[in-house]
């Protein structure tokens, strides 16, 4: 009986290792830095990211860049949960109409149909998305591609500038493919404020979730990230 039980345990462990390796989870990927606002010395430590439901080669480091292939659709999550913090990140699409984003206060649990988790999404779209995805010749609202904020997976928020349940930026500040964009995302007690390329232009409040993982999104098109920093607030 002991031999049988031991064999079952070993089989389970090897199966688990195989699944983890297939999903690229054999070793966390390090990208970006975390600091504490209360740390007077400003000592930073690397942020570990764990693949949730993408392929092993979906994400890779190239010197200071994090390169995402965009395929398959899915996310990788931070190792830690975050509550009150400031996220700074630069991103660049490589193709017209590229789609991506970052989730804050996320549960990191992919949906059955869309493969994306719950949380609050900070949209990252390439400017030509509205043209490529026109419906019956009608272009999507241009504000859609300049940093919309919205709850996903049952998360509810109150938008500062409503477009339905979403909040749209009051000024169009994102740059197109091949150009770097800079987001600052301030998340405090259920309120989020978004700065796009140096100016605060969007926000939501009274989020029904206020703590969770950060998730970087792979959604069909290649995208590069750099200079990611999380400042944890007191």
Protein backbone atom coordinates (compact mmCIF):
# COMPACT_ATOMS: atom_id res chain seq x y z
CA UNK A 1 0.00 0.00 0.00
CA UNK A 2 2.84 2.41 0.87
CA UNK A 3 4.51 1.71 -2.48
CA UNK A 4 1.25 2.35 -4.33
CA UNK A 5 0.66 5.61 -2.42
CA UNK A 6 4.24 6.74 -3.03
CA UNK A 7 3.87 5.96 -6.72
CA UNK A 8 0.66 7.97 -6.92
CA UNK A 9 2.31 10.95 -5.22
CA UNK A 10 5.31 10.83 -7.56
CA UNK A 11 3.06 10.57 -10.61
CA UNK A 12 1.11 13.61 -9.43
CA UNK A 13 4.29 15.62 -8.84
CA UNK A 14 5.71 14.79 -12.25
CA UNK A 15 2.40 15.67 -13.90
CA UNK A 16 2.35 18.98 -12.02
CA UNK A 17 5.91 19.74 -13.06
CA UNK A 18 5.05 18.93 -16.65
CA UNK A 19 2.04 21.25 -16.63
CA UNK A 20 4.02 24.06 -14.99
CA UNK A 21 6.84 23.75 -17.51
CA UNK A 22 4.42 23.68 -20.44
CA UNK A 23 2.87 26.92 -19.20
CA UNK A 24 6.23 28.59 -18.69
CA UNK A 25 5.87 28.57 -14.90
CA UNK A 26 9.04 26.65 -14.12
CA UNK A 27 10.69 29.96 -13.23
CA UNK A 28 9.07 33.37 -12.57
CA UNK A 29 9.99 36.11 -15.01
CA UNK A 30 11.53 39.20 -13.41
CA UNK A 31 10.55 42.57 -14.84
CA UNK A 32 10.18 45.98 -13.27
CA UNK A 33 10.92 47.28 -9.79
CA UNK A 34 8.94 47.69 -6.59
CA UNK A 35 9.68 50.34 -3.97
CA UNK A 36 7.98 51.39 -0.74
CA UNK A 37 6.96 55.02 -0.37
CA UNK A 38 7.92 54.79 3.31
CA UNK A 39 11.44 53.57 2.47
CA UNK A 40 13.61 56.66 2.86
CA UNK A 41 16.50 54.93 1.10
CA UNK A 42 14.33 54.06 -1.90
CA UNK A 43 15.61 50.50 -2.10
CA UNK A 44 14.01 48.69 -5.03
CA UNK A 45 13.47 44.99 -5.61
CA UNK A 46 12.59 43.08 -8.75
CA UNK A 47 8.97 42.14 -9.45
CA UNK A 48 8.31 38.47 -10.20
CA UNK A 49 5.67 37.57 -12.80
CA UNK A 50 3.90 34.23 -13.12
CA UNK A 51 2.38 32.94 -16.35
CA UNK A 52 -1.34 32.29 -15.95
CA UNK A 53 -2.68 31.00 -19.28
CA UNK A 54 -0.28 31.90 -22.09
CA UNK A 55 2.52 29.94 -23.77
CA UNK A 56 6.07 29.66 -22.55
CA UNK A 57 7.34 31.90 -25.36
CA UNK A 58 4.56 34.52 -25.12
CA UNK A 59 6.69 36.65 -22.79
CA UNK A 60 10.45 37.19 -22.84
CA UNK A 61 13.03 39.66 -21.65
CA UNK A 62 15.26 41.44 -24.14
CA UNK A 63 17.62 43.54 -22.02
CA UNK A 64 15.46 46.31 -20.53
CA UNK A 65 12.38 45.34 -22.59
CA UNK A 66 9.57 42.93 -21.87
CA UNK A 67 8.43 41.56 -25.23
CA UNK A 68 4.95 40.06 -25.63
CA UNK A 69 4.07 38.14 -28.81
CA UNK A 70 0.34 38.70 -28.26
CA UNK A 71 -0.48 35.02 -28.72
CA UNK A 72 -2.34 33.28 -27.29
CA UNK A 73 -4.76 35.61 -25.55
CA UNK A 74 -4.16 35.57 -21.81
CA UNK A 75 -2.20 37.17 -18.99
CA UNK A 76 0.70 36.84 -16.65
CA UNK A 77 0.30 38.10 -13.08
CA UNK A 78 2.48 39.65 -10.42
CA UNK A 79 3.64 37.30 -7.69
CA UNK A 80 2.25 39.67 -5.04
CA UNK A 81 -1.10 41.27 -4.37
CA UNK A 82 -1.27 45.08 -4.38
CA UNK A 83 -3.77 47.43 -2.77
CA UNK A 84 -2.72 51.09 -2.67
CA UNK A 85 0.05 51.86 -5.13
CA UNK A 86 1.29 53.85 -8.10
CA UNK A 87 2.07 51.94 -11.28
CA UNK A 88 4.31 53.50 -13.91
CA UNK A 89 4.93 51.76 -17.23
CA UNK A 90 5.85 52.54 -20.81
CA UNK A 91 4.38 50.54 -23.70
CA UNK A 92 4.59 50.45 -27.48
CA UNK A 93 2.48 48.66 -30.07
CA UNK A 94 4.21 47.29 -33.17
CA UNK A 95 1.16 46.71 -35.38
CA UNK A 96 -1.77 48.87 -36.46
CA UNK A 97 -4.80 48.18 -34.31
CA UNK A 98 -2.85 46.31 -31.62
CA UNK A 99 -4.69 45.45 -28.42
CA UNK A 100 -3.39 45.01 -24.87
CA UNK A 101 -3.74 46.40 -21.38
CA UNK A 102 -2.90 46.02 -17.73
CA UNK A 103 -5.30 44.78 -15.06
CA UNK A 104 -5.14 46.15 -11.52
CA UNK A 105 -6.81 44.67 -8.43
CA UNK A 106 -7.21 41.49 -10.45
CA UNK A 107 -8.20 38.01 -9.30
CA UNK A 108 -5.95 36.56 -12.06
CA UNK A 109 -8.64 33.98 -12.85
CA UNK A 110 -9.27 33.79 -16.62
CA UNK A 111 -12.83 33.78 -17.89
CA UNK A 112 -14.15 30.71 -19.66
CA UNK A 113 -14.83 32.53 -22.91
CA UNK A 114 -12.49 35.52 -23.18
CA UNK A 115 -9.43 34.07 -21.31
CA UNK A 116 -9.04 37.35 -19.40
CA UNK A 117 -9.33 37.82 -15.62
CA UNK A 118 -11.50 39.96 -13.41
CA UNK A 119 -10.29 43.32 -12.13
CA UNK A 120 -10.09 46.85 -13.49
CA UNK A 121 -8.55 47.09 -16.96
CA UNK A 122 -6.41 50.00 -18.05
CA UNK A 123 -6.76 49.84 -21.82
CA UNK A 124 -3.74 49.98 -24.16
CA UNK A 125 -4.87 50.17 -27.80
CA UNK A 126 -3.09 51.23 -30.97
CA UNK A 127 -4.78 54.24 -32.56
CA UNK A 128 -5.91 52.46 -35.74
CA UNK A 129 -8.01 50.03 -33.69
CA UNK A 130 -11.08 52.23 -34.13
CA UNK A 131 -10.77 52.07 -37.93
CA UNK A 132 -10.04 48.35 -38.16
CA UNK A 133 -12.96 47.52 -35.87
CA UNK A 134 -15.55 49.84 -37.43
CA UNK A 135 -19.04 48.33 -37.29
CA UNK A 136 -21.14 48.67 -40.44
CA UNK A 137 -18.93 51.52 -41.54
CA UNK A 138 -19.31 53.38 -38.24
CA UNK A 139 -16.03 54.12 -36.47
CA UNK A 140 -15.70 53.36 -32.77
CA UNK A 141 -15.35 56.43 -30.50
CA UNK A 142 -11.80 57.78 -30.81
CA UNK A 143 -11.54 58.13 -27.03
CA UNK A 144 -11.66 54.32 -26.85
CA UNK A 145 -7.98 54.12 -27.82
CA UNK A 146 -6.66 56.73 -25.38
CA UNK A 147 -6.77 54.85 -22.08
CA UNK A 148 -10.25 53.70 -21.14
CA UNK A 149 -10.84 52.30 -17.63
CA UNK A 150 -13.47 49.68 -16.87
CA UNK A 151 -14.35 46.81 -14.59
CA UNK A 152 -14.09 43.24 -15.90
CA UNK A 153 -15.47 39.96 -14.59
CA UNK A 154 -18.26 41.44 -12.49
CA UNK A 155 -16.18 44.28 -11.04
CA UNK A 156 -18.18 47.51 -10.88
CA UNK A 157 -16.86 51.08 -10.85
CA UNK A 158 -18.17 54.63 -11.18
CA UNK A 159 -16.60 56.28 -14.24
CA UNK A 160 -15.35 59.87 -14.11
CA UNK A 161 -16.25 60.35 -17.78
CA UNK A 162 -18.88 57.74 -18.67
CA UNK A 163 -19.07 55.86 -21.94
CA UNK A 164 -21.62 53.38 -20.73
CA UNK A 165 -20.03 51.62 -17.77
CA UNK A 166 -16.56 52.58 -19.00
CA UNK A 167 -14.65 55.77 -18.37
CA UNK A 168 -13.05 57.51 -21.34
CA UNK A 169 -10.15 59.95 -21.29
CA UNK A 170 -11.05 63.63 -21.58
CA UNK A 171 -8.09 64.27 -23.87
CA UNK A 172 -6.59 62.14 -26.66
CA UNK A 173 -2.91 61.72 -25.78
CA UNK A 174 -1.77 58.24 -26.88
CA UNK A 175 0.75 57.81 -29.70
CA UNK A 176 0.53 55.30 -32.54
CA UNK A 177 2.48 52.17 -33.45
CA UNK A 178 6.25 52.32 -33.07
CA UNK A 179 6.05 55.12 -30.47
CA UNK A 180 6.35 54.82 -26.71
CA UNK A 181 3.48 55.77 -24.42
CA UNK A 182 3.80 56.36 -20.68
CA UNK A 183 1.07 55.54 -18.18
CA UNK A 184 0.95 56.48 -14.51
CA UNK A 185 -1.85 54.66 -12.70
CA UNK A 186 -2.64 55.78 -9.15
CA UNK A 187 -4.74 53.22 -7.26
CA UNK A 188 -5.99 54.19 -3.78
CA UNK A 189 -8.97 52.91 -1.79
CA UNK A 190 -11.12 51.99 -4.79
CA UNK A 191 -10.22 55.07 -6.84
CA UNK A 192 -7.98 55.02 -9.93
CA UNK A 193 -6.52 58.03 -11.75
CA UNK A 194 -4.72 57.60 -15.08
CA UNK A 195 -2.06 59.88 -16.53
CA UNK A 196 -1.31 59.43 -20.24
CA UNK A 197 2.01 60.83 -21.45
CA UNK A 198 2.31 63.29 -18.61
CA UNK A 199 -1.24 64.45 -17.96
CA UNK A 200 -4.07 63.01 -15.84
CA UNK A 201 -7.03 62.48 -18.17
CA UNK A 202 -9.16 59.65 -16.77
CA UNK A 203 -10.40 57.99 -13.60
CA UNK A 204 -12.90 55.74 -11.85
CA UNK A 205 -14.05 55.49 -8.24
CA UNK A 206 -15.83 53.18 -5.81
CA UNK A 207 -14.47 50.00 -7.34
CA UNK A 208 -16.02 46.89 -5.84
CA UNK A 209 -12.53 45.36 -5.63
CA UNK A 210 -9.61 47.22 -4.07
CA UNK A 211 -6.84 44.66 -3.80
CA UNK A 212 -5.41 42.09 -6.19
CA UNK A 213 -2.73 41.14 -8.66
CA UNK A 214 -1.31 43.16 -11.50
CA UNK A 215 -1.82 41.38 -14.82
CA UNK A 216 -0.15 42.20 -18.13
CA UNK A 217 -2.27 41.27 -21.11
CA UNK A 218 -1.50 39.37 -24.31
CA UNK A 219 -4.34 40.01 -26.75
CA UNK A 220 -3.49 39.10 -30.31
CA UNK A 221 -0.76 41.58 -31.27
CA UNK A 222 2.89 42.09 -30.27
CA UNK A 223 3.59 44.79 -27.70
CA UNK A 224 6.70 45.95 -25.82
CA UNK A 225 6.88 47.18 -22.22
CA UNK A 226 9.69 48.97 -20.39
CA UNK A 227 10.43 51.02 -17.24
CA UNK A 228 7.74 49.37 -15.12
CA UNK A 229 7.75 50.54 -11.53
CA UNK A 230 5.36 49.95 -8.64
CA UNK A 231 5.48 52.32 -5.66
CA UNK A 232 3.63 50.76 -2.72
CA UNK A 233 1.81 53.43 -0.68
CA UNK A 234 1.45 53.43 3.09
